[in-house]
């Protein structure tokens, strides 16, 4: 499983909303969470290391606008999948 840096998105795409389902110090724990999310149908989920953090974030998806993010949030709430929203800015 690959880990990517959010630096590119934060630098080039402007404000972005990341829907995160956990942050882990141990990369294998993040990988486990991503596998669980993939099994639940969230195929875009991946691991991100944000520039200001040493943690491996299990990001379900990212969005440029709140309306799109809110659609996913409603699904996550219905499925009782834990999440939080991280706002990226450039």
N, C-alpha and C. Protein backbone atom coordinates (compact mmCIF):
# COMPACT_ATOMS: atom_id res chain seq x y z
N UNK A 1 0.86 -1.17 0.00
CA UNK A 1 0.00 0.00 0.00
C UNK A 1 0.90 1.23 0.00
N UNK A 2 0.61 2.16 -0.87
CA UNK A 2 1.47 3.34 -0.96
C UNK A 2 0.99 4.45 -0.03
N UNK A 3 1.95 5.21 0.42
CA UNK A 3 1.68 6.38 1.26
C UNK A 3 2.06 7.59 0.44
N UNK A 4 1.17 8.57 0.38
CA UNK A 4 1.49 9.77 -0.37
C UNK A 4 1.39 10.99 0.51
N UNK A 5 2.10 12.01 0.12
CA UNK A 5 2.11 13.27 0.86
C UNK A 5 1.01 14.18 0.34
N UNK A 6 0.37 14.87 1.24
CA UNK A 6 -0.68 15.81 0.84
C UNK A 6 -0.09 17.12 0.36
N UNK A 7 1.21 17.29 0.44
CA UNK A 7 1.85 18.55 0.07
C UNK A 7 1.42 19.01 -1.33
N UNK A 8 1.42 18.10 -2.30
CA UNK A 8 1.07 18.46 -3.68
C UNK A 8 -0.33 19.06 -3.72
N UNK A 9 -1.31 18.38 -3.11
CA UNK A 9 -2.68 18.89 -3.11
C UNK A 9 -2.78 20.21 -2.37
N UNK A 10 -2.12 20.31 -1.24
CA UNK A 10 -2.21 21.52 -0.45
C UNK A 10 -1.58 22.70 -1.19
N UNK A 11 -0.53 22.44 -1.94
CA UNK A 11 0.16 23.53 -2.64
C UNK A 11 -0.54 23.95 -3.92
N UNK A 12 -1.15 23.02 -4.64
CA UNK A 12 -1.64 23.35 -5.97
C UNK A 12 -3.15 23.47 -6.09
N UNK A 13 -3.89 22.83 -5.22
CA UNK A 13 -5.34 22.81 -5.39
C UNK A 13 -6.08 23.75 -4.46
N UNK A 14 -5.38 24.43 -3.60
CA UNK A 14 -6.05 25.35 -2.70
C UNK A 14 -6.77 24.62 -1.58
N UNK A 15 -7.77 25.26 -0.98
CA UNK A 15 -8.48 24.65 0.14
C UNK A 15 -9.07 23.30 -0.26
N UNK A 16 -8.96 22.37 0.63
CA UNK A 16 -9.45 21.03 0.37
C UNK A 16 -9.93 20.43 1.67
N UNK A 17 -10.96 19.62 1.59
CA UNK A 17 -11.50 18.93 2.76
C UNK A 17 -11.12 17.46 2.67
N UNK A 18 -10.48 16.96 3.69
CA UNK A 18 -10.10 15.55 3.76
C UNK A 18 -11.00 14.87 4.78
N UNK A 19 -11.62 13.77 4.39
CA UNK A 19 -12.43 12.99 5.31
C UNK A 19 -11.53 11.87 5.81
N UNK A 20 -11.20 11.91 7.10
CA UNK A 20 -10.20 11.02 7.69
C UNK A 20 -10.88 10.05 8.66
N UNK A 21 -10.49 8.80 8.58
CA UNK A 21 -11.05 7.78 9.47
C UNK A 21 -9.98 7.21 10.39
N UNK A 22 -9.15 8.09 10.90
CA UNK A 22 -8.13 7.67 11.86
C UNK A 22 -6.75 8.12 11.47
N UNK A 23 -5.95 8.44 12.47
CA UNK A 23 -4.55 8.81 12.29
C UNK A 23 -3.71 7.88 13.16
N UNK A 24 -2.65 7.35 12.58
CA UNK A 24 -1.90 6.29 13.24
C UNK A 24 -0.41 6.58 13.22
N UNK A 25 0.25 6.31 14.30
CA UNK A 25 1.70 6.45 14.36
C UNK A 25 2.39 5.27 13.69
N UNK A 26 1.75 4.12 13.76
CA UNK A 26 2.28 2.89 13.15
C UNK A 26 1.64 2.71 11.77
N UNK A 27 2.43 2.70 10.70
CA UNK A 27 1.86 2.61 9.36
C UNK A 27 1.00 1.37 9.12
N UNK A 28 1.35 0.25 9.74
CA UNK A 28 0.57 -0.97 9.55
C UNK A 28 -0.87 -0.81 10.07
N UNK A 29 -1.05 0.01 11.10
CA UNK A 29 -2.40 0.25 11.61
C UNK A 29 -3.22 1.06 10.61
N UNK A 30 -2.59 2.00 9.96
CA UNK A 30 -3.27 2.77 8.92
C UNK A 30 -3.63 1.87 7.74
N UNK A 31 -2.70 0.98 7.37
CA UNK A 31 -2.97 0.04 6.28
C UNK A 31 -4.16 -0.86 6.60
N UNK A 32 -4.24 -1.30 7.85
CA UNK A 32 -5.37 -2.15 8.27
C UNK A 32 -6.68 -1.38 8.14
N UNK A 33 -6.68 -0.13 8.56
CA UNK A 33 -7.89 0.69 8.46
C UNK A 33 -8.30 0.89 7.00
N UNK A 34 -7.31 1.10 6.12
CA UNK A 34 -7.62 1.28 4.70
C UNK A 34 -8.22 0.00 4.13
N UNK A 35 -7.69 -1.14 4.49
CA UNK A 35 -8.26 -2.42 4.02
C UNK A 35 -9.72 -2.55 4.46
N UNK A 36 -10.01 -2.15 5.70
CA UNK A 36 -11.40 -2.20 6.20
C UNK A 36 -12.29 -1.27 5.39
N UNK A 37 -11.79 -0.07 5.09
CA UNK A 37 -12.57 0.88 4.31
C UNK A 37 -12.80 0.37 2.89
N UNK A 38 -11.79 -0.23 2.28
CA UNK A 38 -11.95 -0.79 0.94
C UNK A 38 -13.01 -1.88 0.95
N UNK A 39 -12.99 -2.75 1.97
CA UNK A 39 -14.00 -3.81 2.07
C UNK A 39 -15.41 -3.23 2.22
N UNK A 40 -15.50 -2.05 2.82
CA UNK A 40 -16.80 -1.39 3.00
C UNK A 40 -17.23 -0.60 1.77
N UNK A 41 -16.40 -0.64 0.73
CA UNK A 41 -16.78 0.01 -0.52
C UNK A 41 -16.14 1.36 -0.78
N UNK A 42 -15.30 1.82 0.11
CA UNK A 42 -14.64 3.12 -0.05
C UNK A 42 -13.30 2.91 -0.75
N UNK A 43 -13.36 2.68 -2.06
CA UNK A 43 -12.20 2.28 -2.85
C UNK A 43 -11.19 3.42 -3.05
N UNK A 44 -11.59 4.66 -2.84
CA UNK A 44 -10.68 5.79 -3.01
C UNK A 44 -9.84 6.06 -1.76
N UNK A 45 -10.11 5.33 -0.70
CA UNK A 45 -9.39 5.54 0.56
C UNK A 45 -7.90 5.25 0.38
N UNK A 46 -7.09 6.04 1.07
CA UNK A 46 -5.65 5.86 1.01
C UNK A 46 -4.98 6.51 2.21
N UNK A 47 -3.69 6.28 2.31
CA UNK A 47 -2.92 6.81 3.43
C UNK A 47 -2.26 8.11 3.02
N UNK A 48 -2.38 9.11 3.88
CA UNK A 48 -1.76 10.42 3.63
C UNK A 48 -0.94 10.81 4.85
N UNK A 49 0.23 11.35 4.62
CA UNK A 49 1.03 11.96 5.68
C UNK A 49 1.00 13.46 5.40
N UNK A 50 0.30 14.20 6.24
CA UNK A 50 0.19 15.64 6.06
C UNK A 50 1.49 16.31 6.46
N UNK A 51 1.81 17.45 5.84
CA UNK A 51 3.10 18.12 6.07
C UNK A 51 3.38 18.44 7.53
N UNK A 52 2.38 18.77 8.31
CA UNK A 52 2.58 19.18 9.69
C UNK A 52 2.48 18.03 10.68
N UNK A 53 2.44 16.79 10.16
CA UNK A 53 2.19 15.65 11.04
C UNK A 53 3.16 14.51 10.77
N UNK A 54 3.37 13.70 11.78
CA UNK A 54 4.15 12.48 11.62
C UNK A 54 3.24 11.27 11.56
N UNK A 55 1.93 11.49 11.64
CA UNK A 55 0.97 10.40 11.65
C UNK A 55 0.57 9.99 10.24
N UNK A 56 0.16 8.74 10.11
CA UNK A 56 -0.36 8.20 8.86
C UNK A 56 -1.88 8.30 8.94
N UNK A 57 -2.46 9.15 8.13
CA UNK A 57 -3.90 9.39 8.16
C UNK A 57 -4.60 8.46 7.16
N UNK A 58 -5.65 7.79 7.60
CA UNK A 58 -6.47 6.97 6.72
C UNK A 58 -7.54 7.88 6.13
N UNK A 59 -7.27 8.39 4.94
CA UNK A 59 -8.17 9.34 4.29
C UNK A 59 -9.17 8.57 3.43
N UNK A 60 -10.44 8.78 3.69
CA UNK A 60 -11.49 8.10 2.92
C UNK A 60 -11.61 8.74 1.55
N UNK A 61 -11.61 10.07 1.51
CA UNK A 61 -11.69 10.81 0.25
C UNK A 61 -11.40 12.27 0.54
N UNK A 62 -11.26 13.06 -0.52
CA UNK A 62 -11.03 14.50 -0.36
C UNK A 62 -11.89 15.25 -1.35
N UNK A 63 -12.24 16.47 -0.98
CA UNK A 63 -13.16 17.27 -1.79
C UNK A 63 -12.74 18.73 -1.80
N UNK A 64 -13.11 19.42 -2.86
CA UNK A 64 -12.83 20.85 -2.98
C UNK A 64 -13.94 21.69 -2.37
N UNK A 65 -15.14 21.09 -2.18
CA UNK A 65 -16.26 21.88 -1.66
C UNK A 65 -17.02 21.09 -0.58
N UNK A 66 -17.66 21.83 0.29
CA UNK A 66 -18.36 21.23 1.43
C UNK A 66 -19.58 20.43 1.01
N UNK A 67 -20.29 20.85 -0.03
CA UNK A 67 -21.49 20.13 -0.46
C UNK A 67 -21.15 18.68 -0.83
N UNK A 68 -20.07 18.50 -1.56
CA UNK A 68 -19.66 17.14 -1.93
C UNK A 68 -19.21 16.35 -0.71
N UNK A 69 -18.46 16.99 0.16
CA UNK A 69 -17.99 16.33 1.38
C UNK A 69 -19.18 15.91 2.25
N UNK A 70 -20.18 16.75 2.34
CA UNK A 70 -21.34 16.45 3.19
C UNK A 70 -22.10 15.22 2.72
N UNK A 71 -22.10 14.94 1.42
CA UNK A 71 -22.75 13.73 0.91
C UNK A 71 -22.06 12.49 1.47
N UNK A 72 -20.74 12.49 1.49
CA UNK A 72 -20.00 11.36 2.04
C UNK A 72 -20.19 11.28 3.55
N UNK A 73 -20.17 12.41 4.21
CA UNK A 73 -20.35 12.44 5.67
C UNK A 73 -21.69 11.80 6.05
N UNK A 74 -22.74 12.08 5.29
CA UNK A 74 -24.05 11.49 5.57
C UNK A 74 -23.99 9.96 5.45
N UNK A 75 -23.29 9.46 4.44
CA UNK A 75 -23.15 8.01 4.27
C UNK A 75 -22.35 7.40 5.42
N UNK A 76 -21.30 8.08 5.83
CA UNK A 76 -20.47 7.57 6.92
C UNK A 76 -21.25 7.53 8.23
N UNK A 77 -22.02 8.57 8.48
CA UNK A 77 -22.84 8.61 9.70
C UNK A 77 -23.85 7.47 9.70
N UNK A 78 -24.48 7.24 8.54
CA UNK A 78 -25.46 6.18 8.42
C UNK A 78 -24.83 4.81 8.66
N UNK A 79 -23.61 4.62 8.17
CA UNK A 79 -22.90 3.35 8.32
C UNK A 79 -22.14 3.26 9.64
N UNK A 80 -22.18 4.33 10.42
CA UNK A 80 -21.47 4.40 11.71
C UNK A 80 -19.97 4.18 11.56
N UNK A 81 -19.42 4.76 10.50
CA UNK A 81 -17.98 4.71 10.28
C UNK A 81 -17.38 5.96 10.91
N UNK A 82 -16.42 5.80 11.80
CA UNK A 82 -15.82 6.98 12.45
C UNK A 82 -15.03 7.82 11.44
N UNK A 83 -15.10 9.12 11.62
CA UNK A 83 -14.40 10.03 10.72
C UNK A 83 -14.22 11.37 11.39
N UNK A 84 -13.33 12.17 10.83
CA UNK A 84 -13.27 13.60 11.14
C UNK A 84 -12.86 14.31 9.88
N UNK A 85 -13.08 15.60 9.84
CA UNK A 85 -12.78 16.40 8.65
C UNK A 85 -11.54 17.23 8.92
N UNK A 86 -10.59 17.14 8.03
CA UNK A 86 -9.38 17.95 8.10
C UNK A 86 -9.41 18.92 6.94
N UNK A 87 -9.23 20.17 7.27
CA UNK A 87 -9.21 21.20 6.24
C UNK A 87 -7.77 21.52 5.87
N UNK A 88 -7.48 21.42 4.60
CA UNK A 88 -6.16 21.79 4.10
C UNK A 88 -6.22 23.16 3.46
N UNK A 89 -5.19 23.94 3.64
CA UNK A 89 -5.12 25.26 3.00
C UNK A 89 -3.72 25.43 2.45
N UNK A 90 -3.60 26.30 1.46
CA UNK A 90 -2.27 26.53 0.92
C UNK A 90 -1.67 27.76 1.50
